[in-house]
Amino acid sequence: MQGKSTRGVTLLSYVLLSGLALTALWSLDSCQKNTDCGAQVTIVDTLGHPCVGALVSLQYNSTVTPPQTITRNFGTTNSSGTVTYNFKDPAIYDVDVTYTSKTDTLGIIKLSIGGTVSQTYTFR
């Protein structure tokens, strides 16, 4: 009888420890913060019309933020003059635009943790 009781206690201990371990793993995962950052950049001309097909480059601004893995990211604006980017960490980027054979730096965009920053720039 005593052997049977020991196996029951051992099995119960195993089940309880397994449940505790799974709970601990789940808790670790749920505590991780979302550091994804988005940028929605819209380029318009001086009349406010969208600059369709503009090449937009977000150039990492090394004078303001710590080094990042991705230092430059390119995109082309859609029919609304908008291009969207997704990053894993916040940073500050220079916004460079090439449109109608002309390139210009239009400003900076500062990405926020867990959100998307929308910014409109006028290309002159």
Protein backbone atom coordinates (compact mmCIF):
# COMPACT_ATOMS: atom_id res chain seq x y z
CA MET A 1 0.00 0.00 0.00
CA GLN A 2 2.81 2.36 0.79
CA GLY A 3 4.36 1.92 -2.73
CA LYS A 4 1.06 2.81 -4.37
CA SER A 5 0.81 5.98 -2.32
CA THR A 6 4.36 7.01 -3.27
CA ARG A 7 3.57 6.64 -6.99
CA GLY A 8 0.45 8.75 -6.57
CA VAL A 9 2.41 11.46 -4.79
CA THR A 10 5.16 11.29 -7.44
CA LEU A 11 2.62 11.57 -10.27
CA LEU A 12 0.84 14.45 -8.52
CA SER A 13 4.17 16.22 -7.95
CA TYR A 14 5.09 15.78 -11.61
CA VAL A 15 1.75 17.22 -12.78
CA LEU A 16 1.99 20.17 -10.40
CA LEU A 17 5.61 20.95 -11.37
CA SER A 18 4.76 20.71 -15.08
CA GLY A 19 1.85 23.10 -14.64
CA LEU A 20 4.03 25.50 -12.67
CA ALA A 21 6.73 25.41 -15.34
CA LEU A 22 4.22 26.13 -18.13
CA THR A 23 2.75 29.02 -16.14
CA ALA A 24 6.23 30.49 -15.63
CA LEU A 25 7.03 30.24 -19.35
CA TRP A 26 3.73 31.88 -20.29
CA SER A 27 4.38 34.70 -17.80
CA LEU A 28 7.81 35.41 -19.26
CA ASP A 29 6.38 35.71 -22.76
CA SER A 30 3.52 37.98 -21.69
CA CYS A 31 5.90 40.40 -19.94
CA GLN A 32 7.87 41.19 -23.08
CA LYS A 33 7.12 44.67 -24.38
CA ASN A 34 6.12 45.40 -27.94
CA THR A 35 8.91 47.55 -29.36
CA ASP A 36 7.62 47.55 -32.95
CA CYS A 37 7.54 51.00 -34.50
CA GLY A 38 5.80 52.18 -37.62
CA ALA A 39 6.26 55.20 -39.86
CA GLN A 40 3.69 56.41 -42.35
CA VAL A 41 5.25 59.08 -44.55
CA THR A 42 3.18 61.13 -46.99
CA ILE A 43 4.80 63.37 -49.61
CA VAL A 44 2.82 66.18 -51.23
CA ASP A 45 3.75 68.98 -53.64
CA THR A 46 3.38 72.69 -52.87
CA LEU A 47 -0.29 72.55 -53.96
CA GLY A 48 -1.00 69.66 -51.57
CA HIS A 49 -1.27 67.01 -54.31
CA PRO A 50 0.27 63.59 -53.57
CA CYS A 51 3.70 62.91 -55.06
CA VAL A 52 2.97 59.50 -56.59
CA GLY A 53 6.03 57.30 -57.17
CA ALA A 54 8.43 59.34 -55.04
CA LEU A 55 11.38 57.36 -53.65
CA VAL A 56 11.46 57.92 -49.88
CA SER A 57 14.53 56.94 -47.87
CA LEU A 58 14.57 56.89 -44.09
CA GLN A 59 18.24 57.41 -43.24
CA TYR A 60 19.29 56.57 -39.70
CA ASN A 61 20.31 59.80 -37.94
CA SER A 62 23.52 58.77 -36.17
CA THR A 63 23.95 62.15 -34.51
CA VAL A 64 20.77 61.72 -32.48
CA THR A 65 20.12 58.03 -31.78
CA PRO A 66 22.30 55.04 -30.86
CA PRO A 67 23.46 52.72 -33.69
CA GLN A 68 20.79 50.59 -35.35
CA THR A 69 21.10 47.46 -37.46
CA ILE A 70 19.17 48.96 -40.38
CA THR A 71 20.64 52.33 -41.31
CA ARG A 72 18.56 53.08 -44.42
CA ASN A 73 15.18 51.87 -45.60
CA PHE A 74 13.63 52.69 -48.99
CA GLY A 75 10.05 52.81 -50.18
CA THR A 76 7.99 54.25 -53.04
CA THR A 77 4.87 56.31 -52.45
CA ASN A 78 1.49 54.97 -53.56
CA SER A 79 -1.37 56.84 -55.30
CA SER A 80 -1.98 58.79 -52.06
CA GLY A 81 1.68 59.85 -51.84
CA THR A 82 2.15 57.56 -48.83
CA VAL A 83 4.70 54.88 -47.96
CA THR A 84 4.69 52.78 -44.77
CA TYR A 85 7.65 51.34 -42.85
CA ASN A 86 7.93 48.92 -39.92
CA PHE A 87 10.89 48.76 -37.54
CA LYS A 88 11.68 46.69 -34.44
CA ASP A 89 13.08 49.53 -32.30
CA PRO A 90 12.53 53.27 -31.93
CA ALA A 91 14.97 55.65 -33.61
CA ILE A 92 15.18 59.01 -35.35
CA TYR A 93 15.50 59.02 -39.14
CA ASP A 94 16.19 61.71 -41.73
CA VAL A 95 13.54 61.72 -44.46
CA ASP A 96 15.18 61.93 -47.91
CA VAL A 97 12.98 62.10 -51.02
CA THR A 98 13.79 61.74 -54.71
CA TYR A 99 11.04 62.95 -57.03
CA THR A 100 11.16 64.28 -60.59
CA SER A 101 14.96 63.78 -60.71
CA LYS A 102 15.50 65.95 -57.63
CA THR A 103 16.58 64.77 -54.16
CA ASP A 104 15.99 66.66 -50.93
CA THR A 105 16.07 66.03 -47.18
CA LEU A 106 12.65 67.09 -45.92
CA GLY A 107 13.06 66.64 -42.17
CA ILE A 108 13.22 63.96 -39.52
CA ILE A 109 10.79 61.42 -38.14
CA LYS A 110 10.98 60.08 -34.59
CA LEU A 111 9.58 56.58 -34.15
CA SER A 112 7.67 55.73 -30.98
CA ILE A 113 7.59 52.36 -29.22
CA GLY A 114 4.49 50.32 -29.99
CA GLY A 115 2.90 52.82 -32.37
CA THR A 116 2.88 54.30 -35.86
CA VAL A 117 3.95 57.88 -36.47
CA SER A 118 2.25 59.62 -39.42
CA GLN A 119 4.04 62.57 -40.94
CA THR A 120 3.36 64.65 -44.08
CA TYR A 121 6.18 66.49 -45.87
CA THR A 122 6.01 69.03 -48.71
CA PHE A 123 8.39 68.44 -51.62
CA ARG A 124 9.41 71.75 -53.24
